[in-house]
Amino acid sequence: ARAGDAEPAEGALAREIDRVGPLLSGAAARGAYAEALSALASLRPAIDRFFDEVLVMDERAEVRRARLGLLARFDELARGIVDVAELAVEGPRAAGG
């Protein structure tokens, strides 16, 4: 996608993934899984903002691909630490909570 197509929340998430990636890799390599999970959890505000402000399935294929690619980067980052599909939201944000 062209730079002008990116939403601010999209750029913020990309920067946070770039920031957290090395921290997560280093912690995982040392077996410091609590530290790795903490680094991963620090992405939550950027992820929440992304889903609140960005239409991932944009009608423009190039924009949609870029946004899905960003989510794939997050998935790849997290996959070495936790199965993201198994995560559950608890508390007031949970459905019916």
N, C-alpha and C. Protein backbone atom coordinates (compact mmCIF):
# COMPACT_ATOMS: atom_id res chain seq x y z
N ALA A 1 0.84 -1.19 0.00
CA ALA A 1 0.00 0.00 0.00
C ALA A 1 0.88 1.25 0.00
N ARG A 2 0.36 2.29 -0.55
CA ARG A 2 1.10 3.55 -0.54
C ARG A 2 1.12 4.12 0.87
N ALA A 3 2.14 4.89 1.19
CA ALA A 3 2.28 5.47 2.53
C ALA A 3 1.04 6.27 2.91
N GLY A 4 0.44 6.96 1.96
CA GLY A 4 -0.73 7.77 2.25
C GLY A 4 -1.96 6.96 2.62
N ASP A 5 -1.94 5.66 2.36
CA ASP A 5 -3.08 4.81 2.69
C ASP A 5 -3.07 4.35 4.14
N ALA A 6 -1.96 4.49 4.83
CA ALA A 6 -1.84 3.99 6.20
C ALA A 6 -2.56 4.92 7.17
N GLU A 7 -3.31 4.33 8.07
CA GLU A 7 -3.96 5.06 9.15
C GLU A 7 -2.92 5.27 10.26
N PRO A 8 -3.07 6.32 11.08
CA PRO A 8 -2.12 6.52 12.18
C PRO A 8 -2.00 5.29 13.10
N ALA A 9 -3.11 4.64 13.39
CA ALA A 9 -3.08 3.47 14.27
C ALA A 9 -2.32 2.31 13.63
N GLU A 10 -2.34 2.26 12.32
CA GLU A 10 -1.61 1.22 11.58
C GLU A 10 -0.10 1.43 11.73
N GLY A 11 0.34 2.66 11.56
CA GLY A 11 1.75 2.98 11.73
C GLY A 11 2.21 2.78 13.17
N ALA A 12 1.34 3.14 14.12
CA ALA A 12 1.69 2.97 15.53
C ALA A 12 1.88 1.49 15.86
N LEU A 13 1.01 0.63 15.35
CA LEU A 13 1.15 -0.80 15.61
C LEU A 13 2.42 -1.34 14.97
N ALA A 14 2.73 -0.91 13.76
CA ALA A 14 3.95 -1.37 13.09
C ALA A 14 5.18 -0.97 13.90
N ARG A 15 5.20 0.26 14.41
CA ARG A 15 6.34 0.72 15.22
C ARG A 15 6.45 -0.08 16.51
N GLU A 16 5.33 -0.38 17.14
CA GLU A 16 5.35 -1.16 18.39
C GLU A 16 5.84 -2.59 18.13
N ILE A 17 5.42 -3.18 17.03
CA ILE A 17 5.90 -4.52 16.67
C ILE A 17 7.41 -4.48 16.45
N ASP A 18 7.90 -3.44 15.78
CA ASP A 18 9.34 -3.29 15.56
C ASP A 18 10.08 -3.12 16.89
N ARG A 19 9.48 -2.41 17.83
CA ARG A 19 10.11 -2.18 19.14
C ARG A 19 10.14 -3.46 19.96
N VAL A 20 9.03 -4.18 19.98
CA VAL A 20 8.88 -5.34 20.85
C VAL A 20 9.59 -6.58 20.30
N GLY A 21 9.71 -6.69 18.99
CA GLY A 21 10.31 -7.89 18.39
C GLY A 21 11.63 -8.31 18.99
N PRO A 22 12.62 -7.40 19.04
CA PRO A 22 13.92 -7.78 19.61
C PRO A 22 13.83 -8.12 21.10
N LEU A 23 12.99 -7.41 21.85
CA LEU A 23 12.83 -7.70 23.28
C LEU A 23 12.26 -9.10 23.47
N LEU A 24 11.26 -9.42 22.68
CA LEU A 24 10.60 -10.72 22.76
C LEU A 24 11.56 -11.84 22.38
N SER A 25 12.29 -11.65 21.31
CA SER A 25 13.25 -12.67 20.86
C SER A 25 14.32 -12.91 21.91
N GLY A 26 14.85 -11.82 22.47
CA GLY A 26 15.89 -11.95 23.49
C GLY A 26 15.39 -12.66 24.73
N ALA A 27 14.20 -12.30 25.19
CA ALA A 27 13.64 -12.93 26.38
C ALA A 27 13.36 -14.40 26.12
N ALA A 28 12.81 -14.73 24.98
CA ALA A 28 12.50 -16.12 24.65
C ALA A 28 13.79 -16.95 24.56
N ALA A 29 14.83 -16.36 23.98
CA ALA A 29 16.11 -17.07 23.84
C ALA A 29 16.71 -17.40 25.20
N ARG A 30 16.46 -16.54 26.19
CA ARG A 30 16.96 -16.78 27.55
C ARG A 30 16.02 -17.65 28.37
N GLY A 31 14.87 -17.98 27.81
CA GLY A 31 13.88 -18.75 28.56
C GLY A 31 13.12 -17.90 29.57
N ALA A 32 13.18 -16.58 29.40
CA ALA A 32 12.50 -15.65 30.31
C ALA A 32 11.09 -15.41 29.78
N TYR A 33 10.24 -16.41 29.94
CA TYR A 33 8.91 -16.35 29.33
C TYR A 33 8.00 -15.32 29.96
N ALA A 34 8.14 -15.06 31.26
CA ALA A 34 7.33 -14.02 31.89
C ALA A 34 7.68 -12.66 31.27
N GLU A 35 8.97 -12.43 31.05
CA GLU A 35 9.42 -11.19 30.41
C GLU A 35 8.90 -11.11 28.97
N ALA A 36 8.95 -12.24 28.27
CA ALA A 36 8.46 -12.28 26.89
C ALA A 36 6.97 -11.99 26.83
N LEU A 37 6.21 -12.59 27.74
CA LEU A 37 4.76 -12.34 27.78
C LEU A 37 4.46 -10.89 28.13
N SER A 38 5.25 -10.32 29.02
CA SER A 38 5.07 -8.92 29.38
C SER A 38 5.32 -8.02 28.17
N ALA A 39 6.38 -8.33 27.42
CA ALA A 39 6.67 -7.56 26.20
C ALA A 39 5.53 -7.69 25.20
N LEU A 40 5.03 -8.91 25.05
CA LEU A 40 3.92 -9.14 24.13
C LEU A 40 2.67 -8.39 24.59
N ALA A 41 2.40 -8.43 25.89
CA ALA A 41 1.23 -7.74 26.44
C ALA A 41 1.32 -6.23 26.26
N SER A 42 2.53 -5.70 26.18
CA SER A 42 2.69 -4.25 26.00
C SER A 42 2.15 -3.77 24.65
N LEU A 43 1.89 -4.71 23.75
CA LEU A 43 1.32 -4.36 22.44
C LEU A 43 -0.19 -4.12 22.50
N ARG A 44 -0.82 -4.49 23.60
CA ARG A 44 -2.28 -4.43 23.65
C ARG A 44 -2.86 -3.05 23.31
N PRO A 45 -2.35 -1.96 23.88
CA PRO A 45 -2.95 -0.66 23.52
C PRO A 45 -2.89 -0.38 22.02
N ALA A 46 -1.77 -0.71 21.38
CA ALA A 46 -1.64 -0.47 19.94
C ALA A 46 -2.56 -1.38 19.15
N ILE A 47 -2.72 -2.62 19.61
CA ILE A 47 -3.62 -3.56 18.93
C ILE A 47 -5.07 -3.12 19.10
N ASP A 48 -5.44 -2.73 20.32
CA ASP A 48 -6.81 -2.25 20.55
C ASP A 48 -7.11 -1.04 19.67
N ARG A 49 -6.17 -0.09 19.61
CA ARG A 49 -6.36 1.11 18.79
C ARG A 49 -6.49 0.73 17.32
N PHE A 50 -5.65 -0.20 16.87
CA PHE A 50 -5.70 -0.65 15.48
C PHE A 50 -7.09 -1.15 15.13
N PHE A 51 -7.64 -2.05 15.96
CA PHE A 51 -8.95 -2.61 15.64
C PHE A 51 -10.09 -1.62 15.85
N ASP A 52 -9.89 -0.62 16.72
CA ASP A 52 -10.90 0.42 16.91
C ASP A 52 -10.94 1.40 15.74
N GLU A 53 -9.78 1.66 15.12
CA GLU A 53 -9.68 2.75 14.15
C GLU A 53 -9.45 2.33 12.70
N VAL A 54 -9.11 1.07 12.47
CA VAL A 54 -8.70 0.64 11.13
C VAL A 54 -9.65 -0.42 10.58
N LEU A 55 -10.07 -0.25 9.35
CA LEU A 55 -10.85 -1.27 8.65
C LEU A 55 -9.86 -2.18 7.96
N VAL A 56 -9.64 -3.36 8.55
CA VAL A 56 -8.64 -4.28 8.00
C VAL A 56 -9.03 -4.72 6.59
N MET A 57 -10.27 -5.09 6.40
CA MET A 57 -10.72 -5.63 5.11
C MET A 57 -11.16 -4.50 4.18
N ASP A 58 -10.25 -3.56 3.97
CA ASP A 58 -10.47 -2.43 3.08
C ASP A 58 -10.84 -2.93 1.68
N GLU A 59 -11.66 -2.17 0.97
CA GLU A 59 -12.05 -2.59 -0.39
C GLU A 59 -10.88 -2.56 -1.36
N ARG A 60 -9.85 -1.78 -1.06
CA ARG A 60 -8.65 -1.72 -1.91
C ARG A 60 -7.75 -2.90 -1.54
N ALA A 61 -7.52 -3.78 -2.49
CA ALA A 61 -6.77 -5.02 -2.22
C ALA A 61 -5.38 -4.74 -1.67
N GLU A 62 -4.69 -3.74 -2.19
CA GLU A 62 -3.32 -3.47 -1.73
C GLU A 62 -3.31 -3.01 -0.28
N VAL A 63 -4.30 -2.23 0.12
CA VAL A 63 -4.40 -1.77 1.51
C VAL A 63 -4.76 -2.94 2.41
N ARG A 64 -5.72 -3.74 1.97
CA ARG A 64 -6.13 -4.93 2.73
C ARG A 64 -4.95 -5.87 2.95
N ARG A 65 -4.18 -6.12 1.89
CA ARG A 65 -3.00 -7.00 2.00
C ARG A 65 -1.99 -6.45 3.00
N ALA A 66 -1.75 -5.15 2.96
CA ALA A 66 -0.79 -4.53 3.88
C ALA A 66 -1.26 -4.68 5.32
N ARG A 67 -2.54 -4.50 5.55
CA ARG A 67 -3.08 -4.60 6.92
C ARG A 67 -3.08 -6.04 7.41
N LEU A 68 -3.42 -6.96 6.54
CA LEU A 68 -3.35 -8.38 6.92
C LEU A 68 -1.89 -8.78 7.15
N GLY A 69 -0.99 -8.20 6.38
CA GLY A 69 0.43 -8.47 6.58
C GLY A 69 0.93 -7.99 7.93
N LEU A 70 0.43 -6.84 8.37
CA LEU A 70 0.79 -6.32 9.68
C LEU A 70 0.30 -7.27 10.78
N LEU A 71 -0.92 -7.75 10.63
CA LEU A 71 -1.44 -8.71 11.61
C LEU A 71 -0.66 -10.02 11.57
N ALA A 72 -0.21 -10.42 10.39
CA ALA A 72 0.61 -11.63 10.27
C ALA A 72 1.95 -11.44 10.99
N ARG A 73 2.49 -10.22 10.94
CA ARG A 73 3.74 -9.94 11.67
C ARG A 73 3.52 -10.12 13.17
N PHE A 74 2.40 -9.63 13.68
CA PHE A 74 2.09 -9.81 15.09
C PHE A 74 1.95 -11.30 15.42
N ASP A 75 1.23 -12.02 14.58
CA ASP A 75 1.03 -13.45 14.80
C ASP A 75 2.36 -14.19 14.83
N GLU A 76 3.24 -13.86 13.90
CA GLU A 76 4.55 -14.51 13.84
C GLU A 76 5.37 -14.19 15.09
N LEU A 77 5.29 -12.95 15.53
CA LEU A 77 6.02 -12.52 16.72
C LEU A 77 5.53 -13.29 17.95
N ALA A 78 4.22 -13.42 18.07
CA ALA A 78 3.63 -14.06 19.25
C ALA A 78 3.71 -15.58 19.20
N ARG A 79 3.73 -16.14 18.03
CA ARG A 79 3.63 -17.59 17.87
C ARG A 79 4.71 -18.36 18.64
N GLY A 80 5.90 -17.80 18.75
CA GLY A 80 6.96 -18.48 19.47
C GLY A 80 6.76 -18.50 20.97
N ILE A 81 5.83 -17.70 21.48
CA ILE A 81 5.62 -17.59 22.91
C ILE A 81 4.28 -18.18 23.33
N VAL A 82 3.24 -17.91 22.56
CA VAL A 82 1.89 -18.28 22.98
C VAL A 82 1.04 -18.54 21.74
N ASP A 83 0.09 -19.45 21.87
CA ASP A 83 -0.88 -19.68 20.80
C ASP A 83 -1.97 -18.63 20.94
N VAL A 84 -1.90 -17.59 20.12
CA VAL A 84 -2.81 -16.45 20.23
C VAL A 84 -4.27 -16.89 20.12
N ALA A 85 -4.54 -17.94 19.37
CA ALA A 85 -5.92 -18.42 19.21
C ALA A 85 -6.50 -18.91 20.53
N GLU A 86 -5.64 -19.25 21.49
CA GLU A 86 -6.11 -19.75 22.78
C GLU A 86 -6.32 -18.65 23.81
N LEU A 87 -5.96 -17.41 23.48
CA LEU A 87 -6.12 -16.31 24.43
C LEU A 87 -7.59 -15.95 24.56
N ALA A 88 -7.98 -15.59 25.77
CA ALA A 88 -9.35 -15.16 26.03
C ALA A 88 -9.30 -13.83 26.76
N VAL A 89 -10.24 -12.96 26.45
CA VAL A 89 -10.35 -11.68 27.14
C VAL A 89 -11.27 -11.87 28.32
N GLU A 90 -10.81 -11.42 29.48
CA GLU A 90 -11.63 -11.50 30.68
C GLU A 90 -11.91 -10.10 31.16
N GLY A 91 -12.97 -9.95 31.92
CA GLY A 91 -13.28 -8.66 32.49
C GLY A 91 -14.28 -7.90 31.66
N PRO A 92 -14.32 -6.57 31.84
CA PRO A 92 -15.37 -5.76 31.23
C PRO A 92 -15.39 -5.76 29.71
N ARG A 93 -14.27 -6.06 29.05
CA ARG A 93 -14.25 -6.06 27.58
C ARG A 93 -14.81 -7.35 27.01
N ALA A 94 -14.94 -8.40 27.84
CA ALA A 94 -15.45 -9.68 27.36
C ALA A 94 -16.94 -9.58 27.07
N ALA A 95 -17.40 -10.33 26.07
CA ALA A 95 -18.83 -10.34 25.73
C ALA A 95 -19.62 -10.83 26.93
N GLY A 96 -20.65 -10.09 27.27
CA GLY A 96 -21.49 -10.48 28.39
C GLY A 96 -20.85 -10.21 29.74
N GLY A 97 -19.66 -9.56 29.73
CA GLY A 97 -18.92 -9.35 30.96
C GLY A 97 -19.30 -8.12 31.63
